[in-house]
């Protein structure tokens, strides 16, 4: 099986960690949008993340801003559901979301040290 490969946020911004296991997930400096709503709860839209795994199969979903292809993501340490990654956006004005990850506020803890 081997040892798990861990990545760490390496900039000077505060970082977000998994609330369940404490693994680094994202840098606060990589937030695209803070006021997001995902599945009826507050969320962050992040440009880049670490220590997340895609799970399940890609799915097509109609959201308030259009049709998207999404993939669920979980923490690579404890497998807690963290949110989803935007694989494809159907509307041209939403293409900036492609490759970005939506992370649920409730699954994150902000760490400043």
C-alpha atoms as a PDB file:
ATOM      1  CA  UNK A   1       0.000   0.000   0.000  1.00  0.00           C
ATOM      2  CA  UNK A   2       2.773   2.492   0.828  1.00  0.00           C
ATOM      3  CA  UNK A   3       2.857   5.842   2.539  1.00  0.00           C
ATOM      4  CA  UNK A   4       0.366   8.524   1.512  1.00  0.00           C
ATOM      5  CA  UNK A   5       1.742  11.495  -0.399  1.00  0.00           C
ATOM      6  CA  UNK A   6       0.878  14.731   1.417  1.00  0.00           C
ATOM      7  CA  UNK A   7       1.041  18.182  -0.092  1.00  0.00           C
ATOM      8  CA  UNK A   8       1.263  21.377   1.914  1.00  0.00           C
ATOM      9  CA  UNK A   9       0.142  24.915   1.219  1.00  0.00           C
ATOM     10  CA  UNK A  10       3.374  26.832   0.767  1.00  0.00           C
ATOM     11  CA  UNK A  11       2.515  30.528   0.526  1.00  0.00           C
ATOM     12  CA  UNK A  12       2.275  33.098   3.315  1.00  0.00           C
ATOM     13  CA  UNK A  13      -1.536  33.290   3.280  1.00  0.00           C
ATOM     14  CA  UNK A  14      -3.644  31.644   5.971  1.00  0.00           C
ATOM     15  CA  UNK A  15      -4.628  28.147   4.913  1.00  0.00           C
ATOM     16  CA  UNK A  16      -7.743  26.010   5.011  1.00  0.00           C
ATOM     17  CA  UNK A  17      -7.465  22.531   6.536  1.00  0.00           C
ATOM     18  CA  UNK A  18      -9.904  19.628   6.700  1.00  0.00           C
ATOM     19  CA  UNK A  19     -12.004  20.038   9.835  1.00  0.00           C
ATOM     20  CA  UNK A  20     -11.951  16.247  10.397  1.00  0.00           C
ATOM     21  CA  UNK A  21      -8.261  15.367  10.059  1.00  0.00           C
ATOM     22  CA  UNK A  22      -6.340  18.667   9.783  1.00  0.00           C
ATOM     23  CA  UNK A  23      -4.741  18.071   6.356  1.00  0.00           C
ATOM     24  CA  UNK A  24      -3.961  21.157   4.297  1.00  0.00           C
ATOM     25  CA  UNK A  25      -6.619  21.675   1.619  1.00  0.00           C
ATOM     26  CA  UNK A  26      -6.143  25.182   0.200  1.00  0.00           C
ATOM     27  CA  UNK A  27      -4.515  28.576   0.629  1.00  0.00           C
ATOM     28  CA  UNK A  28      -6.801  31.502   1.433  1.00  0.00           C
ATOM     29  CA  UNK A  29      -4.805  33.363  -1.215  1.00  0.00           C
ATOM     30  CA  UNK A  30      -6.304  31.084  -3.896  1.00  0.00           C
ATOM     31  CA  UNK A  31      -9.964  31.942  -3.201  1.00  0.00           C
ATOM     32  CA  UNK A  32     -11.829  32.993  -6.354  1.00  0.00           C
ATOM     33  CA  UNK A  33     -15.124  33.684  -4.613  1.00  0.00           C
ATOM     34  CA  UNK A  34     -16.062  33.618  -0.904  1.00  0.00           C
ATOM     35  CA  UNK A  35     -19.821  34.213  -1.094  1.00  0.00           C
ATOM     36  CA  UNK A  36     -20.662  30.981  -2.890  1.00  0.00           C
ATOM     37  CA  UNK A  37     -23.578  28.675  -2.124  1.00  0.00           C
ATOM     38  CA  UNK A  38     -23.135  24.997  -2.848  1.00  0.00           C
ATOM     39  CA  UNK A  39     -25.920  22.475  -2.241  1.00  0.00           C
ATOM     40  CA  UNK A  40     -27.748  24.970   0.003  1.00  0.00           C
ATOM     41  CA  UNK A  41     -24.757  25.776   2.217  1.00  0.00           C
ATOM     42  CA  UNK A  42     -21.972  28.398   2.169  1.00  0.00           C
ATOM     43  CA  UNK A  43     -18.876  27.493   0.185  1.00  0.00           C
ATOM     44  CA  UNK A  44     -15.625  28.859  -1.244  1.00  0.00           C
ATOM     45  CA  UNK A  45     -14.661  28.632  -4.900  1.00  0.00           C
ATOM     46  CA  UNK A  46     -10.924  27.843  -4.978  1.00  0.00           C
ATOM     47  CA  UNK A  47      -8.461  28.127  -7.874  1.00  0.00           C
ATOM     48  CA  UNK A  48      -6.221  25.331  -6.543  1.00  0.00           C
ATOM     49  CA  UNK A  49      -6.355  22.716  -3.801  1.00  0.00           C
ATOM     50  CA  UNK A  50      -4.180  19.968  -2.308  1.00  0.00           C
ATOM     51  CA  UNK A  51      -4.865  16.608  -0.637  1.00  0.00           C
ATOM     52  CA  UNK A  52      -8.220  16.046  -2.327  1.00  0.00           C
ATOM     53  CA  UNK A  53      -9.305  13.034  -4.379  1.00  0.00           C
ATOM     54  CA  UNK A  54     -11.993  12.867  -7.023  1.00  0.00           C
ATOM     55  CA  UNK A  55     -14.631  10.266  -6.266  1.00  0.00           C
ATOM     56  CA  UNK A  56     -17.460   8.705  -8.218  1.00  0.00           C
ATOM     57  CA  UNK A  57     -18.183   9.484 -11.841  1.00  0.00           C
ATOM     58  CA  UNK A  58     -18.508  12.864 -13.551  1.00  0.00           C
ATOM     59  CA  UNK A  59     -22.093  14.090 -13.507  1.00  0.00           C
ATOM     60  CA  UNK A  60     -24.011  16.755 -15.407  1.00  0.00           C
ATOM     61  CA  UNK A  61     -25.922  19.150 -13.216  1.00  0.00           C
ATOM     62  CA  UNK A  62     -28.076  22.216 -13.867  1.00  0.00           C
ATOM     63  CA  UNK A  63     -27.116  24.901 -11.345  1.00  0.00           C
ATOM     64  CA  UNK A  64     -28.401  28.470 -11.103  1.00  0.00           C
ATOM     65  CA  UNK A  65     -25.767  29.722 -13.587  1.00  0.00           C
ATOM     66  CA  UNK A  66     -26.012  26.932 -16.163  1.00  0.00           C
ATOM     67  CA  UNK A  67     -25.171  23.328 -16.982  1.00  0.00           C
ATOM     68  CA  UNK A  68     -21.907  21.923 -15.581  1.00  0.00           C
ATOM     69  CA  UNK A  69     -19.964  18.687 -15.520  1.00  0.00           C
ATOM     70  CA  UNK A  70     -18.936  18.111 -11.896  1.00  0.00           C
ATOM     71  CA  UNK A  71     -16.896  15.582  -9.943  1.00  0.00           C
ATOM     72  CA  UNK A  72     -17.212  15.130  -6.180  1.00  0.00           C
ATOM     73  CA  UNK A  73     -14.036  15.550  -4.101  1.00  0.00           C
ATOM     74  CA  UNK A  74     -13.115  14.099  -0.712  1.00  0.00           C
ATOM     75  CA  UNK A  75     -10.225  14.658   1.693  1.00  0.00           C
ATOM     76  CA  UNK A  76      -7.407  12.251   0.809  1.00  0.00           C
ATOM     77  CA  UNK A  77      -6.753  11.630   4.515  1.00  0.00           C
ATOM     78  CA  UNK A  78     -10.140  10.906   6.067  1.00  0.00           C
ATOM     79  CA  UNK A  79     -12.354  10.702   2.945  1.00  0.00           C
ATOM     80  CA  UNK A  80     -14.776  13.331   4.257  1.00  0.00           C
ATOM     81  CA  UNK A  81     -16.859  14.854   1.440  1.00  0.00           C
ATOM     82  CA  UNK A  82     -15.461  18.340   0.805  1.00  0.00           C
ATOM     83  CA  UNK A  83     -17.368  19.581  -2.266  1.00  0.00           C
ATOM     84  CA  UNK A  84     -16.916  19.244  -6.019  1.00  0.00           C
ATOM     85  CA  UNK A  85     -14.659  20.206  -8.888  1.00  0.00           C
ATOM     86  CA  UNK A  86     -15.963  21.945 -12.002  1.00  0.00           C
ATOM     87  CA  UNK A  87     -14.800  19.932 -14.996  1.00  0.00           C
ATOM     88  CA  UNK A  88     -16.770  21.765 -17.690  1.00  0.00           C
ATOM     89  CA  UNK A  89     -19.110  24.754 -17.950  1.00  0.00           C
ATOM     90  CA  UNK A  90     -21.610  25.097 -20.796  1.00  0.00           C
ATOM     91  CA  UNK A  91     -21.848  28.913 -20.827  1.00  0.00           C
ATOM     92  CA  UNK A  92     -18.898  30.947 -22.067  1.00  0.00           C
ATOM     93  CA  UNK A  93     -19.153  33.460 -19.193  1.00  0.00           C
ATOM     94  CA  UNK A  94     -18.808  30.592 -16.675  1.00  0.00           C
ATOM     95  CA  UNK A  95     -15.676  28.986 -18.172  1.00  0.00           C
ATOM     96  CA  UNK A  96     -13.533  30.557 -15.399  1.00  0.00           C
ATOM     97  CA  UNK A  97     -14.936  27.851 -13.072  1.00  0.00           C
ATOM     98  CA  UNK A  98     -13.433  24.997 -15.090  1.00  0.00           C
ATOM     99  CA  UNK A  99     -10.760  23.310 -12.989  1.00  0.00           C
ATOM    100  CA  UNK A 100     -11.841  25.231  -9.869  1.00  0.00           C
ATOM    101  CA  UNK A 101     -13.077  23.467  -6.737  1.00  0.00           C
ATOM    102  CA  UNK A 102     -16.069  24.337  -4.583  1.00  0.00           C
ATOM    103  CA  UNK A 103     -15.330  23.627  -0.905  1.00  0.00           C
ATOM    104  CA  UNK A 104     -18.018  23.615   1.790  1.00  0.00           C
ATOM    105  CA  UNK A 105     -17.371  26.045   4.681  1.00  0.00           C
ATOM    106  CA  UNK A 106     -18.513  23.421   7.199  1.00  0.00           C
ATOM    107  CA  UNK A 107     -15.688  21.063   6.168  1.00  0.00           C
ATOM    108  CA  UNK A 108     -12.890  23.630   6.555  1.00  0.00           C
ATOM    109  CA  UNK A 109     -11.007  25.290   9.374  1.00  0.00           C
ATOM    110  CA  UNK A 110      -8.896  28.406   8.806  1.00  0.00           C
ATOM    111  CA  UNK A 111      -5.337  28.204  10.196  1.00  0.00           C
ATOM    112  CA  UNK A 112      -3.147  31.285  10.380  1.00  0.00           C
ATOM    113  CA  UNK A 113       0.165  29.838  11.601  1.00  0.00           C
END
